[in-house]
N, C-alpha and C. Protein backbone atom coordinates (compact mmCIF):
# COMPACT_ATOMS: atom_id res chain seq x y z
N MET A 1 -243.78 -32.72 124.68
CA MET A 1 -242.89 -32.46 123.82
C MET A 1 -242.20 -33.83 123.19
N THR A 2 -241.85 -33.57 121.75
CA THR A 2 -241.19 -35.04 121.31
C THR A 2 -239.87 -34.64 121.67
N PRO A 3 -238.91 -35.51 121.18
CA PRO A 3 -237.83 -35.72 121.68
C PRO A 3 -237.11 -34.53 120.37
N LEU A 4 -237.69 -34.30 119.19
CA LEU A 4 -236.69 -33.55 118.31
C LEU A 4 -237.34 -32.02 118.86
N ALA A 5 -238.49 -32.05 119.21
CA ALA A 5 -238.75 -30.66 119.46
C ALA A 5 -238.02 -30.28 120.89
N LEU A 6 -237.94 -31.14 121.81
CA LEU A 6 -237.07 -30.56 122.97
C LEU A 6 -235.53 -30.32 122.58
N GLU A 7 -234.92 -31.38 121.60
CA GLU A 7 -233.66 -31.06 121.24
C GLU A 7 -233.51 -29.39 120.47
N LEU A 8 -234.59 -29.24 119.47
CA LEU A 8 -234.63 -28.06 118.85
C LEU A 8 -234.72 -26.93 119.52
N ALA A 9 -235.63 -27.16 120.81
CA ALA A 9 -235.90 -25.87 121.79
C ALA A 9 -234.60 -25.77 122.40
N THR A 10 -233.60 -26.68 122.89
CA THR A 10 -232.30 -26.69 123.76
C THR A 10 -231.33 -26.02 122.82
N TYR A 11 -231.23 -26.51 121.44
CA TYR A 11 -230.20 -25.79 120.31
C TYR A 11 -230.44 -24.07 120.27
N ARG A 12 -231.93 -23.94 120.11
CA ARG A 12 -232.43 -22.34 119.68
C ARG A 12 -231.79 -21.53 121.12
N ALA A 13 -232.22 -22.09 122.26
CA ALA A 13 -231.65 -21.67 123.71
C ALA A 13 -230.35 -21.13 123.71
N ARG A 14 -229.48 -22.10 123.11
CA ARG A 14 -228.08 -22.26 123.38
C ARG A 14 -227.53 -21.48 122.05
N LEU A 15 -228.46 -21.33 121.16
CA LEU A 15 -227.38 -20.52 119.94
C LEU A 15 -226.84 -19.08 120.17
N PRO A 16 -227.11 -18.15 120.70
CA PRO A 16 -226.21 -17.25 120.97
C PRO A 16 -224.88 -17.63 121.40
N GLU A 17 -224.70 -18.54 122.27
CA GLU A 17 -223.14 -18.98 122.50
C GLU A 17 -222.86 -19.97 121.68
N LEU A 18 -223.60 -20.37 121.12
CA LEU A 18 -223.02 -21.54 119.69
C LEU A 18 -222.50 -20.87 118.63
N LEU A 19 -223.08 -19.50 118.39
CA LEU A 19 -222.98 -18.94 117.03
C LEU A 19 -221.24 -18.59 117.04
N ALA A 20 -220.28 -18.53 118.28
CA ALA A 20 -219.15 -18.68 118.12
C ALA A 20 -218.10 -19.54 117.54
N SER A 21 -219.25 -20.68 117.18
CA SER A 21 -218.66 -22.16 116.57
C SER A 21 -219.55 -22.00 115.11
N GLU A 22 -219.89 -21.01 114.57
CA GLU A 22 -220.80 -21.14 113.40
C GLU A 22 -220.20 -22.02 112.03
N GLY A 23 -220.92 -22.90 111.66
CA GLY A 23 -220.31 -23.78 110.53
C GLY A 23 -220.21 -25.07 111.02
N LYS A 24 -219.74 -25.37 112.24
CA LYS A 24 -219.41 -26.35 112.87
C LYS A 24 -220.61 -27.12 113.39
N PHE A 25 -220.83 -28.41 113.79
CA PHE A 25 -221.86 -29.20 114.09
C PHE A 25 -222.36 -29.48 115.65
N VAL A 26 -223.21 -29.15 115.91
CA VAL A 26 -223.53 -29.30 117.66
C VAL A 26 -224.29 -30.78 117.76
N LEU A 27 -223.94 -31.60 118.94
CA LEU A 27 -224.80 -32.46 119.28
C LEU A 27 -225.54 -32.37 120.40
N ILE A 28 -226.68 -32.83 120.23
CA ILE A 28 -227.77 -32.53 121.59
C ILE A 28 -228.66 -33.79 121.67
N HIS A 29 -228.63 -34.05 122.89
CA HIS A 29 -229.26 -35.28 123.40
C HIS A 29 -230.43 -34.78 124.37
N GLY A 30 -231.88 -34.80 123.89
CA GLY A 30 -232.60 -34.16 125.07
C GLY A 30 -232.52 -32.80 125.43
N GLU A 31 -232.18 -32.57 126.62
CA GLU A 31 -231.90 -30.91 127.07
C GLU A 31 -230.49 -31.19 127.41
N ALA A 32 -229.63 -32.06 126.88
CA ALA A 32 -228.26 -31.97 127.16
C ALA A 32 -227.54 -31.56 125.96
N PHE A 33 -226.47 -30.60 126.17
CA PHE A 33 -225.64 -30.18 125.22
C PHE A 33 -224.40 -30.93 125.35
N GLU A 34 -223.97 -31.81 124.37
CA GLU A 34 -222.93 -32.84 124.32
C GLU A 34 -221.71 -32.41 123.50
N GLY A 35 -221.81 -31.07 123.35
CA GLY A 35 -220.37 -30.67 122.44
C GLY A 35 -220.47 -30.23 121.08
N VAL A 36 -219.33 -29.38 120.49
CA VAL A 36 -219.27 -29.22 119.01
C VAL A 36 -218.32 -29.87 118.41
N PHE A 37 -218.51 -29.97 117.05
CA PHE A 37 -217.75 -31.03 116.23
C PHE A 37 -217.47 -30.43 114.86
N GLU A 38 -216.18 -30.76 114.45
CA GLU A 38 -215.77 -30.05 113.06
C GLU A 38 -216.73 -30.61 112.01
N THR A 39 -217.08 -31.88 112.17
CA THR A 39 -218.00 -32.41 110.83
C THR A 39 -219.17 -33.27 111.58
N ARG A 40 -219.84 -33.18 110.63
CA ARG A 40 -221.21 -34.01 111.03
C ARG A 40 -220.93 -35.44 111.39
N GLU A 41 -219.89 -36.19 110.72
CA GLU A 41 -219.64 -37.50 110.88
C GLU A 41 -219.20 -37.62 112.31
N GLU A 42 -218.28 -36.46 112.73
CA GLU A 42 -217.63 -36.88 114.06
C GLU A 42 -218.85 -36.90 115.00
N ALA A 43 -219.49 -35.65 114.81
CA ALA A 43 -220.76 -35.54 116.08
C ALA A 43 -221.65 -36.91 115.78
N LEU A 44 -221.99 -37.24 115.12
CA LEU A 44 -222.79 -38.65 114.79
C LEU A 44 -222.20 -39.99 115.43
N GLU A 45 -220.88 -39.88 115.11
CA GLU A 45 -219.89 -41.02 115.76
C GLU A 45 -220.10 -40.94 117.32
N ALA A 46 -219.90 -39.65 117.62
CA ALA A 46 -219.89 -39.43 119.34
C ALA A 46 -221.41 -39.97 119.82
N GLY A 47 -222.26 -39.20 119.13
CA GLY A 47 -223.82 -39.52 119.56
C GLY A 47 -223.96 -41.00 119.69
N LEU A 48 -223.43 -41.73 118.50
CA LEU A 48 -223.92 -43.32 118.49
C LEU A 48 -223.09 -43.90 119.44
N LEU A 49 -221.71 -43.56 119.95
CA LEU A 49 -220.90 -43.86 120.90
C LEU A 49 -221.62 -44.02 122.35
N LYS A 50 -222.14 -42.66 122.32
CA LYS A 50 -222.41 -42.37 124.05
C LYS A 50 -223.99 -42.50 124.05
N HIS A 51 -224.75 -42.61 122.76
CA HIS A 51 -226.36 -43.07 123.21
C HIS A 51 -227.03 -44.21 122.54
N GLY A 52 -225.96 -44.75 121.58
CA GLY A 52 -226.39 -45.86 121.01
C GLY A 52 -227.52 -45.47 120.05
N LEU A 53 -228.49 -46.07 119.63
CA LEU A 53 -229.37 -45.89 118.81
C LEU A 53 -230.59 -45.05 119.40
N THR A 54 -230.52 -44.44 120.48
CA THR A 54 -231.36 -43.51 120.96
C THR A 54 -231.43 -42.04 119.96
N PRO A 55 -232.73 -41.63 120.03
CA PRO A 55 -232.62 -39.88 119.08
C PRO A 55 -231.72 -39.03 119.83
N ILE A 56 -230.90 -38.49 118.82
CA ILE A 56 -230.17 -37.53 119.12
C ILE A 56 -230.18 -36.32 117.90
N LEU A 57 -230.03 -35.03 118.11
CA LEU A 57 -229.84 -34.07 117.04
C LEU A 57 -228.40 -33.82 116.73
N VAL A 58 -227.94 -33.61 115.61
CA VAL A 58 -226.94 -33.43 115.03
C VAL A 58 -227.10 -32.24 114.27
N LYS A 59 -226.65 -30.79 114.40
CA LYS A 59 -227.14 -29.92 113.57
C LYS A 59 -226.05 -28.71 112.97
N ARG A 60 -226.07 -28.63 112.12
CA ARG A 60 -224.91 -27.51 111.86
C ARG A 60 -225.30 -25.99 112.42
N ILE A 61 -224.53 -25.23 113.13
CA ILE A 61 -224.41 -23.92 113.69
C ILE A 61 -224.71 -22.90 112.63
N GLU A 62 -225.81 -22.22 112.53
CA GLU A 62 -226.13 -21.37 111.66
C GLU A 62 -226.92 -20.14 111.97
N THR A 63 -226.48 -19.02 111.66
CA THR A 63 -227.03 -17.86 112.14
C THR A 63 -228.34 -18.02 111.82
N ALA A 64 -228.69 -17.99 110.35
CA ALA A 64 -229.97 -18.29 110.10
C ALA A 64 -230.47 -19.72 109.23
N GLU A 65 -231.67 -20.00 109.52
CA GLU A 65 -231.98 -21.45 109.05
C GLU A 65 -232.15 -21.11 107.51
N PRO A 66 -231.48 -21.99 106.49
CA PRO A 66 -232.03 -21.99 105.29
C PRO A 66 -233.26 -22.64 105.04
N ILE A 67 -233.82 -22.11 104.04
CA ILE A 67 -235.16 -22.63 103.56
C ILE A 67 -234.72 -23.91 102.81
N ARG A 68 -235.31 -24.83 102.99
CA ARG A 68 -235.15 -26.17 101.94
C ARG A 68 -236.43 -26.93 101.49
N TYR A 69 -236.37 -27.15 100.37
CA TYR A 69 -237.59 -27.43 99.49
C TYR A 69 -237.43 -28.95 99.55
N PHE A 70 -238.59 -29.76 99.67
CA PHE A 70 -238.77 -31.21 99.49
C PHE A 70 -239.79 -31.64 98.55
N THR A 71 -239.76 -32.25 97.42
CA THR A 71 -240.94 -32.66 96.85
C THR A 71 -240.85 -34.15 96.77
N ARG A 72 -242.04 -34.62 96.70
CA ARG A 72 -242.47 -35.87 96.45
C ARG A 72 -243.08 -36.29 95.25
N ASP A 73 -242.73 -37.25 94.63
CA ASP A 73 -243.69 -37.63 93.23
C ASP A 73 -244.94 -38.36 93.76
N PHE A 74 -246.04 -37.91 93.46
CA PHE A 74 -247.29 -38.38 93.95
C PHE A 74 -247.91 -39.28 92.83
N GLY A 75 -247.47 -39.14 91.41
CA GLY A 75 -247.89 -39.74 90.48
C GLY A 75 -247.73 -41.45 90.06
């Protein structure tokens, strides 16, 4: 399992309890829940201070995942 897949699985497993903080941001490193933060910047700063440049997941806590579309100019 890739680090991102592991962190997303950790997020999904903890989502029922995290929904009490919906709209805030969660910091996850591997299978470790690192905390909930008011802003994305606070979560990123905490992750950088604790883990340096190793992969982390900072994600907004949401009931439903929004659909996002990305395009790429192939021309």
